[in-house]
Amino acid sequence: MPALNLRFTEEELDALRERAEAEGRSMQSIAHDAVVQAISQRSRLFEDAAAHVLKVSGELNRRLA
């Protein structure tokens, strides 16, 4: 599986380590899930914005067709 190296400040790495320990998970799984969630959220925001544009411009699109 492809890998990615990430750089953290000491404070960020300490926070990640604490979070992983608190959840009983690895730091890698916490970081992976955070990245996947960020990607999903961005896609969801784009889809929501596109749906909104289609909805509010529906009448204009009908008149222009």
PDB file of N, CA and C in Angstrom:
ATOM      1  N   MET A   1       0.850  -1.173   0.000  1.00  0.00           N
ATOM      2  CA  MET A   1       0.000   0.000   0.000  1.00  0.00           C
ATOM      3  C   MET A   1       0.901   1.243   0.000  1.00  0.00           C
ATOM      4  N   PRO A   2       0.588   2.242  -0.818  1.00  0.00           N
ATOM      5  CA  PRO A   2       1.390   3.461  -0.827  1.00  0.00           C
ATOM      6  C   PRO A   2       1.374   4.146   0.545  1.00  0.00           C
ATOM      7  N   ALA A   3       2.438   4.889   0.825  1.00  0.00           N
ATOM      8  CA  ALA A   3       2.552   5.572   2.118  1.00  0.00           C
ATOM      9  C   ALA A   3       2.824   7.052   1.897  1.00  0.00           C
ATOM     10  N   LEU A   4       2.628   7.818   2.960  1.00  0.00           N
ATOM     11  CA  LEU A   4       2.844   9.255   2.925  1.00  0.00           C
ATOM     12  C   LEU A   4       3.500   9.664   4.234  1.00  0.00           C
ATOM     13  N   ASN A   5       4.568  10.424   4.151  1.00  0.00           N
ATOM     14  CA  ASN A   5       5.210  10.930   5.362  1.00  0.00           C
ATOM     15  C   ASN A   5       4.624  12.288   5.687  1.00  0.00           C
ATOM     16  N   LEU A   6       4.276  12.492   6.945  1.00  0.00           N
ATOM     17  CA  LEU A   6       3.725  13.766   7.399  1.00  0.00           C
ATOM     18  C   LEU A   6       4.675  14.370   8.417  1.00  0.00           C
ATOM     19  N   ARG A   7       4.722  15.689   8.447  1.00  0.00           N
ATOM     20  CA  ARG A   7       5.561  16.380   9.425  1.00  0.00           C
ATOM     21  C   ARG A   7       4.663  17.113  10.404  1.00  0.00           C
ATOM     22  N   PHE A   8       4.981  16.972  11.681  1.00  0.00           N
ATOM     23  CA  PHE A   8       4.236  17.612  12.751  1.00  0.00           C
ATOM     24  C   PHE A   8       5.202  18.376  13.639  1.00  0.00           C
ATOM     25  N   THR A   9       4.697  19.416  14.277  1.00  0.00           N
ATOM     26  CA  THR A   9       5.489  20.064  15.319  1.00  0.00           C
ATOM     27  C   THR A   9       5.509  19.120  16.522  1.00  0.00           C
ATOM     28  N   GLU A  10       6.386  19.379  17.454  1.00  0.00           N
ATOM     29  CA  GLU A  10       6.433  18.548  18.656  1.00  0.00           C
ATOM     30  C   GLU A  10       5.097  18.586  19.391  1.00  0.00           C
ATOM     31  N   GLU A  11       4.476  19.770  19.445  1.00  0.00           N
ATOM     32  CA  GLU A  11       3.198  19.911  20.132  1.00  0.00           C
ATOM     33  C   GLU A  11       2.099  19.111  19.427  1.00  0.00           C
ATOM     34  N   GLU A  12       2.078  19.175  18.102  1.00  0.00           N
ATOM     35  CA  GLU A  12       1.086  18.427  17.337  1.00  0.00           C
ATOM     36  C   GLU A  12       1.282  16.925  17.517  1.00  0.00           C
ATOM     37  N   LEU A  13       2.529  16.504  17.494  1.00  0.00           N
ATOM     38  CA  LEU A  13       2.827  15.083  17.648  1.00  0.00           C
ATOM     39  C   LEU A  13       2.456  14.601  19.052  1.00  0.00           C
ATOM     40  N   ASP A  14       2.724  15.419  20.054  1.00  0.00           N
ATOM     41  CA  ASP A  14       2.326  15.063  21.420  1.00  0.00           C
ATOM     42  C   ASP A  14       0.811  14.930  21.525  1.00  0.00           C
ATOM     43  N   ALA A  15       0.076  15.866  20.917  1.00  0.00           N
ATOM     44  CA  ALA A  15      -1.387  15.826  20.948  1.00  0.00           C
ATOM     45  C   ALA A  15      -1.899  14.582  20.227  1.00  0.00           C
ATOM     46  N   LEU A  16      -1.286  14.255  19.097  1.00  0.00           N
ATOM     47  CA  LEU A  16      -1.676  13.057  18.350  1.00  0.00           C
ATOM     48  C   LEU A  16      -1.410  11.805  19.181  1.00  0.00           C
ATOM     49  N   ARG A  17      -0.265  11.759  19.817  1.00  0.00           N
ATOM     50  CA  ARG A  17       0.086  10.608  20.650  1.00  0.00           C
ATOM     51  C   ARG A  17      -0.911  10.455  21.799  1.00  0.00           C
ATOM     52  N   GLU A  18      -1.246  11.564  22.453  1.00  0.00           N
ATOM     53  CA  GLU A  18      -2.202  11.522  23.555  1.00  0.00           C
ATOM     54  C   GLU A  18      -3.574  11.058  23.083  1.00  0.00           C
ATOM     55  N   ARG A  19      -3.999  11.554  21.938  1.00  0.00           N
ATOM     56  CA  ARG A  19      -5.303  11.173  21.392  1.00  0.00           C
ATOM     57  C   ARG A  19      -5.341   9.688  21.077  1.00  0.00           C
ATOM     58  N   ALA A  20      -4.269   9.194  20.453  1.00  0.00           N
ATOM     59  CA  ALA A  20      -4.189   7.779  20.096  1.00  0.00           C
ATOM     60  C   ALA A  20      -4.224   6.911  21.353  1.00  0.00           C
ATOM     61  N   GLU A  21      -3.484   7.313  22.368  1.00  0.00           N
ATOM     62  CA  GLU A  21      -3.480   6.543  23.612  1.00  0.00           C
ATOM     63  C   GLU A  21      -4.859   6.553  24.265  1.00  0.00           C
ATOM     64  N   ALA A  22      -5.508   7.709  24.265  1.00  0.00           N
ATOM     65  CA  ALA A  22      -6.833   7.831  24.888  1.00  0.00           C
ATOM     66  C   ALA A  22      -7.866   6.960  24.188  1.00  0.00           C
ATOM     67  N   GLU A  23      -7.720   6.812  22.869  1.00  0.00           N
ATOM     68  CA  GLU A  23      -8.686   6.032  22.089  1.00  0.00           C
ATOM     69  C   GLU A  23      -8.258   4.581  21.904  1.00  0.00           C
ATOM     70  N   GLY A  24      -7.055   4.259  22.370  1.00  0.00           N
ATOM     71  CA  GLY A  24      -6.563   2.892  22.197  1.00  0.00           C
ATOM     72  C   GLY A  24      -6.296   2.556  20.748  1.00  0.00           C
ATOM     73  N   ARG A  25      -5.860   3.535  20.010  1.00  0.00           N
ATOM     74  CA  ARG A  25      -5.591   3.345  18.575  1.00  0.00           C
ATOM     75  C   ARG A  25      -4.171   3.780  18.268  1.00  0.00           C
ATOM     76  N   SER A  26      -3.719   3.468  17.066  1.00  0.00           N
ATOM     77  CA  SER A  26      -2.391   3.913  16.653  1.00  0.00           C
ATOM     78  C   SER A  26      -2.451   5.352  16.154  1.00  0.00           C
ATOM     79  N   MET A  27      -1.320   6.032  16.228  1.00  0.00           N
ATOM     80  CA  MET A  27      -1.252   7.398  15.698  1.00  0.00           C
ATOM     81  C   MET A  27      -1.524   7.384  14.199  1.00  0.00           C
ATOM     82  N   GLN A  28      -1.050   6.349  13.528  1.00  0.00           N
ATOM     83  CA  GLN A  28      -1.256   6.233  12.089  1.00  0.00           C
ATOM     84  C   GLN A  28      -2.741   6.138  11.748  1.00  0.00           C
ATOM     85  N   SER A  29      -3.503   5.354  12.508  1.00  0.00           N
ATOM     86  CA  SER A  29      -4.922   5.214  12.197  1.00  0.00           C
ATOM     87  C   SER A  29      -5.677   6.514  12.479  1.00  0.00           C
ATOM     88  N   ILE A  30      -5.278   7.234  13.527  1.00  0.00           N
ATOM     89  CA  ILE A  30      -5.906   8.530  13.825  1.00  0.00           C
ATOM     90  C   ILE A  30      -5.642   9.500  12.674  1.00  0.00           C
ATOM     91  N   ALA A  31      -4.380   9.587  12.231  1.00  0.00           N
ATOM     92  CA  ALA A  31      -4.018  10.502  11.141  1.00  0.00           C
ATOM     93  C   ALA A  31      -4.715  10.095   9.843  1.00  0.00           C
ATOM     94  N   HIS A  32      -4.750   8.808   9.543  1.00  0.00           N
ATOM     95  CA  HIS A  32      -5.401   8.319   8.330  1.00  0.00           C
ATOM     96  C   HIS A  32      -6.875   8.702   8.314  1.00  0.00           C
ATOM     97  N   ASP A  33      -7.568   8.427   9.418  1.00  0.00           N
ATOM     98  CA  ASP A  33      -8.999   8.731   9.495  1.00  0.00           C
ATOM     99  C   ASP A  33      -9.261  10.232   9.362  1.00  0.00           C
ATOM    100  N   ALA A  34      -8.381  11.055   9.929  1.00  0.00           N
ATOM    101  CA  ALA A  34      -8.543  12.506   9.827  1.00  0.00           C
ATOM    102  C   ALA A  34      -8.423  12.978   8.377  1.00  0.00           C
ATOM    103  N   VAL A  35      -7.478  12.421   7.650  1.00  0.00           N
ATOM    104  CA  VAL A  35      -7.298  12.795   6.244  1.00  0.00           C
ATOM    105  C   VAL A  35      -8.490  12.340   5.404  1.00  0.00           C
ATOM    106  N   VAL A  36      -8.930  11.113   5.612  1.00  0.00           N
ATOM    107  CA  VAL A  36     -10.082  10.585   4.867  1.00  0.00           C
ATOM    108  C   VAL A  36     -11.327  11.423   5.159  1.00  0.00           C
ATOM    109  N   GLN A  37     -11.516  11.781   6.417  1.00  0.00           N
ATOM    110  CA  GLN A  37     -12.668  12.608   6.786  1.00  0.00           C
ATOM    111  C   GLN A  37     -12.594  13.979   6.118  1.00  0.00           C
ATOM    112  N   ALA A  38     -11.413  14.580   6.075  1.00  0.00           N
ATOM    113  CA  ALA A  38     -11.258  15.886   5.436  1.00  0.00           C
ATOM    114  C   ALA A  38     -11.578  15.807   3.945  1.00  0.00           C
ATOM    115  N   ILE A  39     -11.141  14.746   3.301  1.00  0.00           N
ATOM    116  CA  ILE A  39     -11.424  14.557   1.871  1.00  0.00           C
ATOM    117  C   ILE A  39     -12.924  14.391   1.648  1.00  0.00           C
ATOM    118  N   SER A  40     -13.555  13.570   2.458  1.00  0.00           N
ATOM    119  CA  SER A  40     -14.984  13.325   2.328  1.00  0.00           C
ATOM    120  C   SER A  40     -15.788  14.593   2.569  1.00  0.00           C
ATOM    121  N   GLN A  41     -15.391  15.353   3.578  1.00  0.00           N
ATOM    122  CA  GLN A  41     -16.108  16.586   3.899  1.00  0.00           C
ATOM    123  C   GLN A  41     -16.007  17.577   2.749  1.00  0.00           C
ATOM    124  N   ARG A  42     -14.838  17.680   2.147  1.00  0.00           N
ATOM    125  CA  ARG A  42     -14.656  18.605   1.021  1.00  0.00           C
ATOM    126  C   ARG A  42     -15.553  18.210  -0.146  1.00  0.00           C
ATOM    127  N   SER A  43     -15.618  16.926  -0.453  1.00  0.00           N
ATOM    128  CA  SER A  43     -16.480  16.447  -1.535  1.00  0.00           C
ATOM    129  C   SER A  43     -17.945  16.721  -1.211  1.00  0.00           C
ATOM    130  N   ARG A  44     -18.324  16.480   0.032  1.00  0.00           N
ATOM    131  CA  ARG A  44     -19.707  16.696   0.454  1.00  0.00           C
ATOM    132  C   ARG A  44     -20.075  18.182   0.358  1.00  0.00           C
ATOM    133  N   LEU A  45     -19.158  19.058   0.755  1.00  0.00           N
ATOM    134  CA  LEU A  45     -19.417  20.498   0.666  1.00  0.00           C
ATOM    135  C   LEU A  45     -19.591  20.929  -0.787  1.00  0.00           C
ATOM    136  N   PHE A  46     -18.756  20.376  -1.679  1.00  0.00           N
ATOM    137  CA  PHE A  46     -18.874  20.706  -3.100  1.00  0.00           C
ATOM    138  C   PHE A  46     -20.213  20.238  -3.652  1.00  0.00           C
ATOM    139  N   GLU A  47     -20.590  19.017  -3.316  1.00  0.00           N
ATOM    140  CA  GLU A  47     -21.869  18.479  -3.798  1.00  0.00           C
ATOM    141  C   GLU A  47     -23.052  19.289  -3.264  1.00  0.00           C
ATOM    142  N   ASP A  48     -22.971  19.706  -2.003  1.00  0.00           N
ATOM    143  CA  ASP A  48     -24.038  20.532  -1.428  1.00  0.00           C
ATOM    144  C   ASP A  48     -24.129  21.882  -2.141  1.00  0.00           C
ATOM    145  N   ALA A  49     -22.977  22.479  -2.431  1.00  0.00           N
ATOM    146  CA  ALA A  49     -22.965  23.769  -3.120  1.00  0.00           C
ATOM    147  C   ALA A  49     -23.514  23.633  -4.535  1.00  0.00           C
ATOM    148  N   ALA A  50     -23.135  22.576  -5.234  1.00  0.00           N
ATOM    149  CA  ALA A  50     -23.633  22.356  -6.589  1.00  0.00           C
ATOM    150  C   ALA A  50     -25.147  22.151  -6.581  1.00  0.00           C
ATOM    151  N   ALA A  51     -25.650  21.392  -5.632  1.00  0.00           N
ATOM    152  CA  ALA A  51     -27.092  21.166  -5.535  1.00  0.00           C
ATOM    153  C   ALA A  51     -27.814  22.478  -5.253  1.00  0.00           C
ATOM    154  N   HIS A  52     -27.242  23.314  -4.413  1.00  0.00           N
ATOM    155  CA  HIS A  52     -27.853  24.610  -4.106  1.00  0.00           C
ATOM    156  C   HIS A  52     -27.918  25.495  -5.349  1.00  0.00           C
ATOM    157  N   VAL A  53     -26.827  25.533  -6.099  1.00  0.00           N
ATOM    158  CA  VAL A  53     -26.792  26.348  -7.321  1.00  0.00           C
ATOM    159  C   VAL A  53     -27.841  25.857  -8.310  1.00  0.00           C
ATOM    160  N   LEU A  54     -27.935  24.549  -8.474  1.00  0.00           N
ATOM    161  CA  LEU A  54     -28.942  23.998  -9.391  1.00  0.00           C
ATOM    162  C   LEU A  54     -30.354  24.349  -8.934  1.00  0.00           C
ATOM    163  N   LYS A  55     -30.594  24.301  -7.645  1.00  0.00           N
ATOM    164  CA  LYS A  55     -31.909  24.592  -7.114  1.00  0.00           C
ATOM    165  C   LYS A  55     -32.286  26.054  -7.328  1.00  0.00           C
ATOM    166  N   VAL A  56     -31.399  26.973  -6.969  1.00  0.00           N
ATOM    167  CA  VAL A  56     -31.744  28.398  -7.062  1.00  0.00           C
ATOM    168  C   VAL A  56     -31.734  28.910  -8.498  1.00  0.00           C
ATOM    169  N   SER A  57     -31.047  28.208  -9.387  1.00  0.00           N
ATOM    170  CA  SER A  57     -31.019  28.671 -10.778  1.00  0.00           C
ATOM    171  C   SER A  57     -31.973  27.874 -11.663  1.00  0.00           C
ATOM    172  N   GLY A  58     -32.788  27.020 -11.060  1.00  0.00           N
ATOM    173  CA  GLY A  58     -33.699  26.171 -11.832  1.00  0.00           C
ATOM    174  C   GLY A  58     -34.625  26.951 -12.739  1.00  0.00           C
ATOM    175  N   GLU A  59     -35.265  27.982 -12.223  1.00  0.00           N
ATOM    176  CA  GLU A  59     -36.202  28.790 -13.026  1.00  0.00           C
ATOM    177  C   GLU A  59     -35.473  29.464 -14.169  1.00  0.00           C
ATOM    178  N   LEU A  60     -34.302  30.039 -13.904  1.00  0.00           N
ATOM    179  CA  LEU A  60     -33.528  30.695 -14.950  1.00  0.00           C
ATOM    180  C   LEU A  60     -33.144  29.676 -16.025  1.00  0.00           C
ATOM    181  N   ASN A  61     -32.719  28.506 -15.614  1.00  0.00           N
ATOM    182  CA  ASN A  61     -32.340  27.481 -16.589  1.00  0.00           C
ATOM    183  C   ASN A  61     -33.533  27.066 -17.454  1.00  0.00           C
ATOM    184  N   ARG A  62     -34.717  26.976 -16.855  1.00  0.00           N
ATOM    185  CA  ARG A  62     -35.922  26.635 -17.643  1.00  0.00           C
ATOM    186  C   ARG A  62     -36.209  27.739 -18.661  1.00  0.00           C
ATOM    187  N   ARG A  63     -36.069  28.985 -18.276  1.00  0.00           N
ATOM    188  CA  ARG A  63     -36.360  30.085 -19.200  1.00  0.00           C
ATOM    189  C   ARG A  63     -35.335  30.174 -20.310  1.00  0.00           C
ATOM    190  N   LEU A  64     -34.109  29.792 -20.026  1.00  0.00           N
ATOM    191  CA  LEU A  64     -33.039  29.865 -21.036  1.00  0.00           C
ATOM    192  C   LEU A  64     -33.057  28.661 -21.976  1.00  0.00           C
ATOM    193  N   ALA A  65     -33.716  27.600 -21.590  1.00  0.00           N
ATOM    194  CA  ALA A  65     -33.709  26.378 -22.411  1.00  0.00           C
ATOM    195  C   ALA A  65     -34.542  26.520 -23.654  1.00  0.00           C
TER     196      ALA A  65
END
